[in-house]
Structures are given as C-alpha cells and as structure tokens.
Amino acid sequence: PFPVFPQELTTVRVQDPRVQNEGSWNSYVDYKIFLHTNSKAFTAKTSCVRRRYREFVWLRRQLQKNAGLVPVPELPGKSTFFVGSTDEFIEKRRQGLQQFLER
C-alpha cells in the first residue's frame, strides 16, 4: 500500500477588531490575525499578530507585483461615508479581510 500523508491545512482568522487612539483624529482599527497550520513550510505552527487595514493594502500591492497572471483578491472598500453604525462597518470590513486572506 501507498503511504498516507496527512493533508496540509492552514487556518487563518481575522478577529477582535480594536479601535486605537479612540476619539483622536488619528484613530484607527486593528485586527488580530491568527494563523494555525500543520504545513512543514512554517516553523511556527501558530502565530498571532495585530494589523491595520493599510497593512493589508501594502500586502495586496506586494502580491500584485509578484502574481503574474494570477488574480489577487480584492480588499473590502475603504469608504469613509458608510451608512450605518461604526460597529457594522468594522464587522463588514473584518469579514472582507477574512475572505481576502482565505483566498
């Protein structure tokens, strides 16, 4: 029989949005990015960092530079004129960033 190799899995979660510098003109939201994998390509099997939206924009630009013909997923919009509550906007953005990383 052939040897059975475990399937490599990587799970990434965007969670715990936090408003930093709340109430000031330079406030922003950052998100906890949690990664768990069994891939041999990663030395650390879990990692956790906080990142803000503009760091996702940077990441997308880097991916586009190196992607060739592979399409790079879109990021959620950066609308400052969002109709609805701030919490709603933050949650929609969190979901969009999650989808971006999964793709």
Protein backbone atom coordinates (compact mmCIF):
# COMPACT_ATOMS: atom_id res chain seq x y z
CA PRO A 1 0.00 0.00 0.00
CA PHE A 2 0.95 3.63 -0.56
CA PRO A 3 1.99 5.71 2.45
CA VAL A 4 -0.70 8.09 3.65
CA PHE A 5 0.46 11.67 4.22
CA PRO A 6 -1.63 14.00 6.33
CA GLN A 7 -3.19 16.80 4.32
CA GLU A 8 -1.59 20.18 4.91
CA LEU A 9 -4.04 22.65 6.42
CA THR A 10 -3.70 26.33 7.16
CA THR A 11 -6.40 28.22 9.01
CA VAL A 12 -6.37 31.98 9.24
CA ARG A 13 -8.81 34.09 11.27
CA VAL A 14 -9.34 37.83 11.39
CA GLN A 15 -10.87 38.64 14.77
CA ASP A 16 -11.02 41.01 17.73
CA PRO A 17 -11.17 44.43 16.00
CA ARG A 18 -9.98 47.20 18.31
CA VAL A 19 -10.17 50.96 17.89
CA GLN A 20 -6.78 52.50 18.73
CA ASN A 21 -6.42 56.17 19.79
CA GLU A 22 -10.21 56.41 20.06
CA GLY A 23 -11.57 59.94 19.95
CA SER A 24 -8.48 61.44 18.31
CA TRP A 25 -8.00 62.49 14.69
CA ASN A 26 -5.54 59.62 14.14
CA SER A 27 -7.71 56.78 15.45
CA TYR A 28 -7.73 53.51 13.51
CA VAL A 29 -8.92 49.93 13.86
CA ASP A 30 -6.57 46.99 14.02
CA TYR A 31 -7.46 43.30 13.85
CA LYS A 32 -5.97 40.18 15.38
CA ILE A 33 -4.71 37.82 12.65
CA PHE A 34 -4.44 34.27 13.98
CA LEU A 35 -2.77 31.56 11.87
CA HIS A 36 -2.67 27.84 12.61
CA THR A 37 -1.06 25.30 10.28
CA ASN A 38 0.41 21.83 10.09
CA SER A 39 2.45 22.75 6.99
CA LYS A 40 6.14 21.89 7.06
CA ALA A 41 6.81 25.20 5.27
CA PHE A 42 6.13 27.06 8.55
CA THR A 43 8.46 26.78 11.54
CA ALA A 44 5.87 28.18 13.94
CA LYS A 45 2.62 26.21 13.79
CA THR A 46 0.63 29.09 15.27
CA SER A 47 1.15 32.82 15.14
CA CYS A 48 -0.83 35.85 16.14
CA VAL A 49 -0.28 39.49 15.16
CA ARG A 50 -2.36 42.69 15.05
CA ARG A 51 -2.61 44.51 11.73
CA ARG A 52 -4.50 47.51 10.44
CA TYR A 53 -6.22 48.00 7.08
CA ARG A 54 -3.35 49.88 5.44
CA GLU A 55 -1.07 46.89 6.07
CA PHE A 56 -3.49 44.72 4.09
CA VAL A 57 -3.31 47.32 1.29
CA TRP A 58 0.51 47.01 1.36
CA LEU A 59 0.28 43.20 1.29
CA ARG A 60 -2.09 43.26 -1.68
CA ARG A 61 0.28 45.56 -3.62
CA GLN A 62 3.20 43.20 -2.94
CA LEU A 63 1.14 40.23 -4.10
CA GLN A 64 0.13 42.08 -7.27
CA LYS A 65 3.78 42.85 -8.08
CA ASN A 66 4.64 39.14 -7.92
CA ALA A 67 1.42 37.49 -9.06
CA GLY A 68 1.97 37.47 -12.82
CA LEU A 69 -1.33 36.37 -14.35
CA VAL A 70 -2.81 35.06 -11.09
CA PRO A 71 -5.59 37.41 -9.97
CA VAL A 72 -5.13 38.90 -6.50
CA PRO A 73 -8.35 39.06 -4.45
CA GLU A 74 -9.96 42.43 -3.73
CA LEU A 75 -9.93 44.06 -0.31
CA PRO A 76 -13.11 45.37 1.29
CA GLY A 77 -13.75 49.04 0.49
CA LYS A 78 -12.29 51.92 2.43
CA SER A 79 -15.45 54.01 2.44
CA THR A 80 -15.40 56.86 4.94
CA PHE A 81 -19.03 57.58 4.09
CA PHE A 82 -20.50 54.38 5.44
CA VAL A 83 -24.22 54.46 6.15
CA GLY A 84 -24.93 52.59 9.37
CA SER A 85 -23.10 52.16 12.64
CA THR A 86 -19.34 52.13 13.04
CA ASP A 87 -19.60 48.65 14.58
CA GLU A 88 -21.42 47.43 11.47
CA PHE A 89 -18.71 48.89 9.21
CA ILE A 90 -15.91 47.34 11.31
CA GLU A 91 -17.61 43.93 11.22
CA LYS A 92 -18.15 44.09 7.43
CA ARG A 93 -14.52 45.06 6.96
CA ARG A 94 -13.39 42.22 9.29
CA GLN A 95 -15.37 39.73 7.19
CA GLY A 96 -13.88 41.16 3.98
CA LEU A 97 -10.32 40.93 5.32
CA GLN A 98 -11.01 37.34 6.41
CA GLN A 99 -12.18 36.46 2.86
CA PHE A 100 -9.14 38.21 1.37
CA LEU A 101 -6.73 36.11 3.47
CA GLU A 102 -8.62 32.88 2.79
CA ARG A 103 -8.45 33.44 -0.96
